[in-house]
Amino acid sequence: MLRDLAIADLRQIFCEVCADLGATLVTCNGEDDHSHQLVEYPSSLALSWLVKNLKGRSSPLLREYGPEVYG
């Protein structure tokens, strides 16, 4: 699973991205090689744009951590 530190950092990033886009992160947790988010977002926001922003802001963090975040 993703280490607790990585999940906490991802949760913070996801909260910031959601706030920037007018959405709300309801919950966030992780599996071996991915994370799960439950997000409330306005119908005017394209889901693809939300996902693009979530992935775009979180992937540099995970690359910075490297493989040691899994464990």
N, C-alpha and C. Protein backbone atom coordinates (compact mmCIF):
# COMPACT_ATOMS: atom_id res chain seq x y z
N MET A 1 0.84 -1.19 0.00
CA MET A 1 0.00 0.00 0.00
C MET A 1 0.88 1.24 0.00
N LEU A 2 0.32 2.30 -0.49
CA LEU A 2 1.02 3.57 -0.38
C LEU A 2 1.24 3.87 1.09
N ARG A 3 2.39 4.34 1.41
CA ARG A 3 2.70 4.66 2.81
C ARG A 3 1.81 5.80 3.31
N ASP A 4 1.60 5.83 4.61
CA ASP A 4 0.72 6.83 5.21
C ASP A 4 1.16 8.25 4.90
N LEU A 5 2.47 8.49 4.89
CA LEU A 5 2.97 9.82 4.56
C LEU A 5 2.57 10.23 3.15
N ALA A 6 2.70 9.31 2.21
CA ALA A 6 2.33 9.60 0.82
C ALA A 6 0.83 9.89 0.72
N ILE A 7 0.03 9.10 1.40
CA ILE A 7 -1.43 9.31 1.36
C ILE A 7 -1.77 10.67 1.96
N ALA A 8 -1.15 11.02 3.06
CA ALA A 8 -1.41 12.33 3.69
C ALA A 8 -1.04 13.47 2.74
N ASP A 9 0.11 13.35 2.08
CA ASP A 9 0.53 14.38 1.14
C ASP A 9 -0.40 14.43 -0.07
N LEU A 10 -0.78 13.26 -0.57
CA LEU A 10 -1.71 13.23 -1.70
C LEU A 10 -3.05 13.85 -1.31
N ARG A 11 -3.52 13.53 -0.12
CA ARG A 11 -4.80 14.08 0.34
C ARG A 11 -4.74 15.61 0.34
N GLN A 12 -3.62 16.17 0.80
CA GLN A 12 -3.46 17.62 0.82
C GLN A 12 -3.48 18.19 -0.60
N ILE A 13 -2.76 17.56 -1.51
CA ILE A 13 -2.75 18.01 -2.91
C ILE A 13 -4.14 17.92 -3.51
N PHE A 14 -4.81 16.79 -3.30
CA PHE A 14 -6.15 16.61 -3.85
C PHE A 14 -7.12 17.65 -3.30
N CYS A 15 -7.01 17.98 -2.01
CA CYS A 15 -7.87 19.01 -1.41
C CYS A 15 -7.62 20.36 -2.08
N GLU A 16 -6.36 20.70 -2.31
CA GLU A 16 -6.02 21.97 -2.95
C GLU A 16 -6.55 22.03 -4.38
N VAL A 17 -6.35 20.96 -5.13
CA VAL A 17 -6.83 20.92 -6.52
C VAL A 17 -8.35 21.06 -6.54
N CYS A 18 -9.02 20.31 -5.68
CA CYS A 18 -10.48 20.37 -5.64
C CYS A 18 -10.96 21.78 -5.30
N ALA A 19 -10.33 22.39 -4.31
CA ALA A 19 -10.72 23.75 -3.92
C ALA A 19 -10.53 24.72 -5.08
N ASP A 20 -9.42 24.57 -5.81
CA ASP A 20 -9.16 25.44 -6.97
C ASP A 20 -10.23 25.30 -8.04
N LEU A 21 -10.83 24.10 -8.14
CA LEU A 21 -11.80 23.83 -9.20
C LEU A 21 -13.25 23.89 -8.72
N GLY A 22 -13.47 24.25 -7.47
CA GLY A 22 -14.82 24.33 -6.95
C GLY A 22 -15.41 22.99 -6.56
N ALA A 23 -14.55 22.02 -6.30
CA ALA A 23 -14.99 20.69 -5.90
C ALA A 23 -14.59 20.44 -4.44
N THR A 24 -15.02 19.30 -3.91
CA THR A 24 -14.71 18.93 -2.54
C THR A 24 -14.23 17.49 -2.49
N LEU A 25 -13.07 17.28 -1.88
CA LEU A 25 -12.58 15.92 -1.65
C LEU A 25 -13.30 15.37 -0.43
N VAL A 26 -14.06 14.30 -0.60
CA VAL A 26 -14.82 13.70 0.48
C VAL A 26 -13.96 12.69 1.23
N THR A 27 -13.27 11.83 0.51
CA THR A 27 -12.39 10.84 1.13
C THR A 27 -11.27 10.47 0.17
N CYS A 28 -10.18 9.96 0.74
CA CYS A 28 -9.02 9.56 -0.04
C CYS A 28 -8.30 8.45 0.70
N ASN A 29 -7.96 7.36 -0.01
CA ASN A 29 -7.15 6.30 0.58
C ASN A 29 -6.35 5.64 -0.54
N GLY A 30 -5.49 4.68 -0.19
CA GLY A 30 -4.61 4.11 -1.19
C GLY A 30 -4.59 2.60 -1.20
N GLU A 31 -4.19 2.06 -2.33
CA GLU A 31 -3.97 0.64 -2.54
C GLU A 31 -2.49 0.44 -2.84
N ASP A 32 -2.14 -0.73 -3.35
CA ASP A 32 -0.73 -1.02 -3.64
C ASP A 32 -0.09 -0.01 -4.57
N ASP A 33 -0.77 0.31 -5.66
CA ASP A 33 -0.14 1.15 -6.67
C ASP A 33 -1.05 2.25 -7.18
N HIS A 34 -2.08 2.58 -6.43
CA HIS A 34 -2.99 3.65 -6.85
C HIS A 34 -3.76 4.18 -5.63
N SER A 35 -4.45 5.26 -5.86
CA SER A 35 -5.25 5.84 -4.78
C SER A 35 -6.71 5.92 -5.22
N HIS A 36 -7.58 6.05 -4.24
CA HIS A 36 -9.02 6.20 -4.47
C HIS A 36 -9.44 7.54 -3.89
N GLN A 37 -10.25 8.27 -4.63
CA GLN A 37 -10.81 9.52 -4.14
C GLN A 37 -12.31 9.52 -4.39
N LEU A 38 -13.03 10.09 -3.46
CA LEU A 38 -14.44 10.37 -3.65
C LEU A 38 -14.54 11.88 -3.65
N VAL A 39 -15.00 12.43 -4.77
CA VAL A 39 -15.01 13.88 -4.97
C VAL A 39 -16.41 14.33 -5.35
N GLU A 40 -16.87 15.38 -4.69
CA GLU A 40 -18.11 16.05 -5.10
C GLU A 40 -17.69 17.22 -5.96
N TYR A 41 -18.26 17.31 -7.17
CA TYR A 41 -17.87 18.39 -8.08
C TYR A 41 -19.10 18.91 -8.82
N PRO A 42 -19.05 20.18 -9.20
CA PRO A 42 -20.20 20.77 -9.88
C PRO A 42 -20.36 20.19 -11.29
N SER A 43 -21.59 20.16 -11.76
CA SER A 43 -21.86 19.59 -13.08
C SER A 43 -21.20 20.40 -14.20
N SER A 44 -20.85 21.63 -13.92
CA SER A 44 -20.19 22.46 -14.93
C SER A 44 -18.71 22.10 -15.10
N LEU A 45 -18.17 21.28 -14.22
CA LEU A 45 -16.77 20.87 -14.28
C LEU A 45 -16.68 19.51 -14.97
N ALA A 46 -15.93 19.46 -16.06
CA ALA A 46 -15.75 18.20 -16.77
C ALA A 46 -14.93 17.23 -15.92
N LEU A 47 -15.40 16.01 -15.80
CA LEU A 47 -14.69 15.00 -15.02
C LEU A 47 -13.27 14.81 -15.56
N SER A 48 -13.11 14.83 -16.86
CA SER A 48 -11.78 14.65 -17.45
C SER A 48 -10.82 15.76 -17.02
N TRP A 49 -11.32 16.98 -16.88
CA TRP A 49 -10.49 18.10 -16.44
C TRP A 49 -10.10 17.93 -14.97
N LEU A 50 -11.04 17.48 -14.16
CA LEU A 50 -10.76 17.23 -12.75
C LEU A 50 -9.67 16.16 -12.61
N VAL A 51 -9.82 15.04 -13.31
CA VAL A 51 -8.85 13.96 -13.23
C VAL A 51 -7.49 14.41 -13.75
N LYS A 52 -7.47 15.14 -14.85
CA LYS A 52 -6.21 15.66 -15.39
C LYS A 52 -5.47 16.51 -14.36
N ASN A 53 -6.19 17.35 -13.67
CA ASN A 53 -5.58 18.21 -12.66
C ASN A 53 -5.12 17.42 -11.43
N LEU A 54 -5.92 16.47 -10.99
CA LEU A 54 -5.53 15.64 -9.85
C LEU A 54 -4.26 14.85 -10.16
N LYS A 55 -4.23 14.21 -11.33
CA LYS A 55 -3.06 13.42 -11.70
C LYS A 55 -1.85 14.30 -11.98
N GLY A 56 -2.09 15.44 -12.61
CA GLY A 56 -0.99 16.33 -12.96
C GLY A 56 -0.27 16.91 -11.75
N ARG A 57 -1.02 17.16 -10.70
CA ARG A 57 -0.41 17.72 -9.48
C ARG A 57 0.14 16.64 -8.56
N SER A 58 -0.38 15.42 -8.61
CA SER A 58 0.08 14.38 -7.69
C SER A 58 1.24 13.55 -8.24
N SER A 59 1.32 13.36 -9.53
CA SER A 59 2.37 12.48 -10.05
C SER A 59 3.78 13.00 -9.79
N PRO A 60 4.07 14.31 -9.84
CA PRO A 60 5.43 14.74 -9.49
C PRO A 60 5.80 14.40 -8.04
N LEU A 61 4.83 14.47 -7.15
CA LEU A 61 5.10 14.11 -5.75
C LEU A 61 5.50 12.64 -5.64
N LEU A 62 4.75 11.77 -6.31
CA LEU A 62 5.06 10.34 -6.23
C LEU A 62 6.40 10.03 -6.89
N ARG A 63 6.72 10.73 -7.98
CA ARG A 63 8.04 10.53 -8.60
C ARG A 63 9.15 10.99 -7.65
N GLU A 64 8.89 12.05 -6.91
CA GLU A 64 9.86 12.56 -5.94
C GLU A 64 10.10 11.54 -4.83
N TYR A 65 9.03 10.93 -4.34
CA TYR A 65 9.14 9.92 -3.29
C TYR A 65 9.90 8.70 -3.80
N GLY A 66 9.62 8.30 -5.04
CA GLY A 66 10.25 7.11 -5.58
C GLY A 66 9.56 5.85 -5.09
N PRO A 67 10.15 4.69 -5.39
CA PRO A 67 9.51 3.42 -5.07
C PRO A 67 9.39 3.13 -3.57
N GLU A 68 10.10 3.86 -2.74
CA GLU A 68 10.02 3.58 -1.30
C GLU A 68 8.68 3.95 -0.68
N VAL A 69 7.78 4.62 -1.40
CA VAL A 69 6.47 4.93 -0.84
C VAL A 69 5.58 3.71 -0.81
N TYR A 70 5.96 2.68 -1.52
CA TYR A 70 5.15 1.46 -1.55
C TYR A 70 5.68 0.50 -0.52
N GLY A 71 4.75 -0.16 0.16
CA GLY A 71 5.32 -1.00 1.04
C GLY A 71 4.91 -1.95 1.93
